[in-house]
C-alpha atoms as a PDB file:
ATOM      1  CA  MET A   1       0.187  -0.208  -0.005  1.00  0.00           C
ATOM      2  CA  ALA A   2       1.518   3.355  -1.400  1.00  0.00           C
ATOM      3  CA  GLY A   3       1.469   6.547   1.249  1.00  0.00           C
ATOM      4  CA  ARG A   4      -0.229   9.900  -0.011  1.00  0.00           C
ATOM      5  CA  LYS A   5       1.644  11.430  -2.531  1.00  0.00           C
ATOM      6  CA  SER A   6       3.289  14.378  -1.386  1.00  0.00           C
ATOM      7  CA  LYS A   7       1.574  17.952  -1.108  1.00  0.00           C
ATOM      8  CA  TYR A   8       5.404  19.559  -2.035  1.00  0.00           C
ATOM      9  CA  HIS A   9       4.972  19.542  -5.932  1.00  0.00           C
ATOM     10  CA  THR A  10       1.362  20.874  -6.091  1.00  0.00           C
ATOM     11  CA  HIS A  11       1.766  22.773  -3.234  1.00  0.00           C
ATOM     12  CA  VAL A  12       4.850  24.292  -2.519  1.00  0.00           C
ATOM     13  CA  GLU A  13       7.799  23.599  -5.864  1.00  0.00           C
ATOM     14  CA  PRO A  14       5.316  26.172  -8.108  1.00  0.00           C
ATOM     15  CA  TYR A  15       5.552  28.661  -5.666  1.00  0.00           C
ATOM     16  CA  LEU A  16       8.845  29.096  -4.545  1.00  0.00           C
ATOM     17  CA  ASP A  17       9.558  33.008  -6.033  1.00  0.00           C
ATOM     18  CA  VAL A  18       6.363  33.841  -3.948  1.00  0.00           C
ATOM     19  CA  ILE A  19       7.504  32.216  -0.803  1.00  0.00           C
ATOM     20  CA  ALA A  20      10.614  34.383  -1.245  1.00  0.00           C
ATOM     21  CA  GLY A  21       8.185  37.346  -1.382  1.00  0.00           C
ATOM     22  CA  TRP A  22       6.574  36.206   1.853  1.00  0.00           C
ATOM     23  CA  CYS A  23      10.033  35.455   3.463  1.00  0.00           C
ATOM     24  CA  ARG A  24      11.410  38.633   2.544  1.00  0.00           C
ATOM     25  CA  GLY A  25       8.193  40.886   3.915  1.00  0.00           C
ATOM     26  CA  GLY A  26       9.330  38.985   7.396  1.00  0.00           C
ATOM     27  CA  ALA A  27       6.659  36.389   7.311  1.00  0.00           C
ATOM     28  CA  ASP A  28       7.547  33.305   9.889  1.00  0.00           C
ATOM     29  CA  ASP A  29       7.329  28.669   9.038  1.00  0.00           C
ATOM     30  CA  ILE A  30       3.616  28.976  10.610  1.00  0.00           C
ATOM     31  CA  GLN A  31       2.697  31.877   8.351  1.00  0.00           C
ATOM     32  CA  ILE A  32       4.491  30.743   5.103  1.00  0.00           C
ATOM     33  CA  ALA A  33       2.721  27.034   5.975  1.00  0.00           C
ATOM     34  CA  GLU A  34      -0.541  28.085   6.376  1.00  0.00           C
ATOM     35  CA  LYS A  35      -0.250  29.749   3.033  1.00  0.00           C
ATOM     36  CA  LEU A  36       0.496  27.216   1.675  1.00  0.00           C
ATOM     37  CA  GLY A  37      -2.177  24.686   2.982  1.00  0.00           C
ATOM     38  CA  ILE A  38       0.417  22.618   4.147  1.00  0.00           C
ATOM     39  CA  ALA A  39       0.505  21.452   8.097  1.00  0.00           C
ATOM     40  CA  LEU A  40       3.411  22.561  10.183  1.00  0.00           C
ATOM     41  CA  SER A  41       5.048  19.211   9.959  1.00  0.00           C
ATOM     42  CA  SER A  42       4.812  18.682   6.457  1.00  0.00           C
ATOM     43  CA  PHE A  43       6.321  22.170   6.239  1.00  0.00           C
ATOM     44  CA  TYR A  44       9.725  21.247   7.958  1.00  0.00           C
ATOM     45  CA  LYS A  45       9.443  17.814   6.236  1.00  0.00           C
ATOM     46  CA  TYR A  46      10.131  19.440   3.026  1.00  0.00           C
ATOM     47  CA  LYS A  47      12.844  22.110   4.184  1.00  0.00           C
ATOM     48  CA  ASN A  48      14.819  19.067   4.882  1.00  0.00           C
ATOM     49  CA  GLU A  49      13.960  16.882   1.808  1.00  0.00           C
ATOM     50  CA  PHE A  50      14.180  19.979  -0.669  1.00  0.00           C
ATOM     51  CA  THR A  51      17.316  21.844  -0.765  1.00  0.00           C
ATOM     52  CA  GLU A  52      16.121  24.394  -3.157  1.00  0.00           C
ATOM     53  CA  PHE A  53      13.206  25.241  -0.860  1.00  0.00           C
ATOM     54  CA  SER A  54      15.097  25.034   2.144  1.00  0.00           C
ATOM     55  CA  GLU A  55      17.427  27.378   0.563  1.00  0.00           C
ATOM     56  CA  ALA A  56      14.907  29.741  -0.457  1.00  0.00           C
ATOM     57  CA  LEU A  57      13.724  29.803   2.600  1.00  0.00           C
ATOM     58  CA  ARG A  58      16.832  30.560   4.420  1.00  0.00           C
ATOM     59  CA  GLU A  59      18.651  33.467   1.513  1.00  0.00           C
ATOM     60  CA  ASN A  60      15.490  35.402   1.429  1.00  0.00           C
ATOM     61  CA  LYS A  61      14.878  35.441   5.433  1.00  0.00           C
ATOM     62  CA  GLU A  62      18.252  36.881   5.574  1.00  0.00           C
ATOM     63  CA  PHE A  63      17.748  39.383   3.825  1.00  0.00           C
ATOM     64  CA  ALA A  64      14.251  40.567   5.632  1.00  0.00           C
ATOM     65  CA  ASP A  65      16.840  40.007   8.526  1.00  0.00           C
ATOM     66  CA  VAL A  66      19.836  42.129   7.379  1.00  0.00           C
ATOM     67  CA  ARG A  67      16.848  45.171   6.614  1.00  0.00           C
ATOM     68  CA  VAL A  68      15.832  44.640   9.818  1.00  0.00           C
ATOM     69  CA  MET A  69      19.145  44.972  11.181  1.00  0.00           C
ATOM     70  CA  ASN A  70      20.022  48.472   9.419  1.00  0.00           C
ATOM     71  CA  ALA A  71      16.855  50.184  11.072  1.00  0.00           C
ATOM     72  CA  MET A  72      17.752  48.351  14.663  1.00  0.00           C
ATOM     73  CA  TYR A  73      21.696  49.948  13.575  1.00  0.00           C
ATOM     74  CA  LYS A  74      19.490  53.945  12.527  1.00  0.00           C
ATOM     75  CA  ARG A  75      17.623  53.761  15.198  1.00  0.00           C
ATOM     76  CA  ALA A  76      20.218  52.913  17.597  1.00  0.00           C
ATOM     77  CA  ILE A  77      22.743  55.769  16.965  1.00  0.00           C
ATOM     78  CA  GLY A  78      19.549  58.194  15.552  1.00  0.00           C
ATOM     79  CA  PHE A  79      19.087  59.515  11.989  1.00  0.00           C
ATOM     80  CA  GLU A  80      17.950  62.733  10.425  1.00  0.00           C
ATOM     81  CA  TYR A  81      14.791  62.867   7.576  1.00  0.00           C
ATOM     82  CA  GLU A  82      13.677  65.587   5.959  1.00  0.00           C
ATOM     83  CA  GLU A  83       9.552  65.967   6.037  1.00  0.00           C
ATOM     84  CA  VAL A  84       7.842  67.965   3.021  1.00  0.00           C
ATOM     85  CA  ARG A  85       4.661  69.482   3.808  1.00  0.00           C
ATOM     86  CA  THR A  86       2.580  70.936   1.085  1.00  0.00           C
ATOM     87  CA  GLU A  87       0.226  73.837   1.026  1.00  0.00           C
ATOM     88  CA  TYR A  88      -2.197  74.729  -1.009  1.00  0.00           C
ATOM     89  CA  ILE A  89      -3.324  78.823  -0.809  1.00  0.00           C
ATOM     90  CA  GLU A  90      -6.094  80.614  -2.828  1.00  0.00           C
ATOM     91  CA  GLY A  91      -5.861  83.598  -3.917  1.00  0.00           C
ATOM     92  CA  GLN A  92      -2.321  84.401  -3.832  1.00  0.00           C
ATOM     93  CA  ASN A  93      -0.336  86.039  -6.973  1.00  0.00           C
ATOM     94  CA  GLN A  94       3.152  86.329  -5.911  1.00  0.00           C
ATOM     95  CA  ALA A  95       5.934  83.998  -6.096  1.00  0.00           C
ATOM     96  CA  GLN A  96       8.130  83.711  -2.360  1.00  0.00           C
ATOM     97  CA  ASP A  97      11.163  82.856  -3.042  1.00  0.00           C
ATOM     98  CA  GLY A  98      10.074  80.014  -6.161  1.00  0.00           C
ATOM     99  CA  GLN A  99       8.562  77.561  -3.587  1.00  0.00           C
ATOM    100  CA  LYS A 100       5.089  78.570  -4.828  1.00  0.00           C
ATOM    101  CA  ALA A 101       3.456  77.483  -8.156  1.00  0.00           C
ATOM    102  CA  ARG A 102       0.455  78.151  -9.834  1.00  0.00           C
ATOM    103  CA  SER A 103      -2.029  75.108  -9.620  1.00  0.00           C
ATOM    104  CA  ALA A 104      -4.725  74.137 -11.997  1.00  0.00           C
ATOM    105  CA  ALA A 105      -7.393  75.854 -10.545  1.00  0.00           C
ATOM    106  CA  GLY A 106      -5.409  79.216 -10.121  1.00  0.00           C
ATOM    107  CA  ASN A 107      -4.399  78.877  -6.379  1.00  0.00           C
ATOM    108  CA  ARG A 108      -0.432  78.316  -5.544  1.00  0.00           C
ATOM    109  CA  LYS A 109       1.054  75.298  -3.844  1.00  0.00           C
ATOM    110  CA  LYS A 110       3.849  75.913  -1.156  1.00  0.00           C
ATOM    111  CA  VAL A 111       6.631  73.241   0.242  1.00  0.00           C
ATOM    112  CA  THR A 112       7.990  73.281   2.788  1.00  0.00           C
ATOM    113  CA  ARG A 113      11.010  71.334   3.812  1.00  0.00           C
ATOM    114  CA  ILE A 114      12.005  71.046   7.579  1.00  0.00           C
ATOM    115  CA  THR A 115      15.212  68.512   8.611  1.00  0.00           C
ATOM    116  CA  LYS A 116      13.971  66.543  11.833  1.00  0.00           C
ATOM    117  CA  LYS A 117      16.017  64.503  13.981  1.00  0.00           C
ATOM    118  CA  VAL A 118      15.677  61.187  15.246  1.00  0.00           C
ATOM    119  CA  LEU A 119      17.137  60.971  18.836  1.00  0.00           C
ATOM    120  CA  ALA A 120      19.527  57.531  19.275  1.00  0.00           C
ATOM    121  CA  ASP A 121      17.304  55.561  21.492  1.00  0.00           C
ATOM    122  CA  VAL A 122      19.261  53.322  24.658  1.00  0.00           C
ATOM    123  CA  ARG A 123      16.815  50.697  23.997  1.00  0.00           C
ATOM    124  CA  ALA A 124      17.865  49.775  20.650  1.00  0.00           C
ATOM    125  CA  GLN A 125      21.674  49.864  21.147  1.00  0.00           C
ATOM    126  CA  THR A 126      21.610  47.569  24.271  1.00  0.00           C
ATOM    127  CA  LYS A 127      19.911  45.563  21.498  1.00  0.00           C
ATOM    128  CA  TRP A 128      22.332  45.917  18.621  1.00  0.00           C
ATOM    129  CA  LEU A 129      25.045  44.845  21.131  1.00  0.00           C
ATOM    130  CA  ASP A 130      23.375  41.737  22.372  1.00  0.00           C
ATOM    131  CA  LEU A 131      22.899  40.926  18.569  1.00  0.00           C
ATOM    132  CA  ARG A 132      26.602  41.721  17.614  1.00  0.00           C
ATOM    133  CA  ASN A 133      28.338  40.510  20.700  1.00  0.00           C
ATOM    134  CA  GLY A 134      25.982  37.677  21.611  1.00  0.00           C
ATOM    135  CA  LYS A 135      25.600  38.443  25.341  1.00  0.00           C
ATOM    136  CA  LYS A 136      22.262  39.127  27.522  1.00  0.00           C
ATOM    137  CA  GLY A 137      21.763  42.525  27.677  1.00  0.00           C
ATOM    138  CA  ILE A 138      21.253  44.947  30.463  1.00  0.00           C
ATOM    139  CA  GLU A 139      18.546  43.938  32.456  1.00  0.00           C
ATOM    140  CA  PRO A 140      16.020  46.470  34.267  1.00  0.00           C
ATOM    141  CA  GLY A 141      17.497  47.645  37.622  1.00  0.00           C
ATOM    142  CA  GLU A 142      20.555  46.746  36.997  1.00  0.00           C
ATOM    143  CA  SER A 143      22.778  50.240  36.553  1.00  0.00           C
ATOM    144  CA  ILE A 144      26.724  50.062  34.500  1.00  0.00           C
ATOM    145  CA  THR A 145      29.652  52.038  34.441  1.00  0.00           C
ATOM    146  CA  ILE A 146      31.339  53.607  31.763  1.00  0.00           C
ATOM    147  CA  ARG A 147      35.099  54.956  31.866  1.00  0.00           C
ATOM    148  CA  PHE A 148      37.107  56.500  29.564  1.00  0.00           C
ATOM    149  CA  ASP A 149      40.306  57.888  28.725  1.00  0.00           C
ATOM    150  CA  LYS A 150      41.310  60.836  28.377  1.00  0.00           C
ATOM    151  CA  ASP A 151      42.429  60.213  24.833  1.00  0.00           C
ATOM    152  CA  GLU A 152      39.185  58.537  23.793  1.00  0.00           C
ATOM    153  CA  ALA A 153      36.723  61.212  25.251  1.00  0.00           C
ATOM    154  CA  GLY A 154      39.386  63.617  23.536  1.00  0.00           C
ATOM    155  CA  VAL A 155      39.738  65.730  26.449  1.00  0.00           C
END
């Protein structure tokens, strides 16, 4: 008596590109198995049996992980960004320093650009260092001491 036919060739293999996109978008194994309509146990079985499936998962999950790590690093050190505000002003005919342009309705469009700064985040710094150094983070209530040499501090 032969066992059931594997769903791999009908439910997984034709969708490797789609699965790659799900991984890049941050989907986990449970979500992927549900979207494919297969049991989680089958998912892991196919992952072990089919190299192209396990490679697609690994490579594309790494891509998502790198994006998250880059965002965490950016948040840890702080960053600047530009906010653009567009305002439509009725009935003004004079332009101010080239930032207003006449729209089809006769209104003027004013574009304001503001540079904003996001300060460094201590929690993101701690998490980044934990992941980077393979160490456990600083627990709430735990104190730390940071000492600088005069040369390091620029004194």
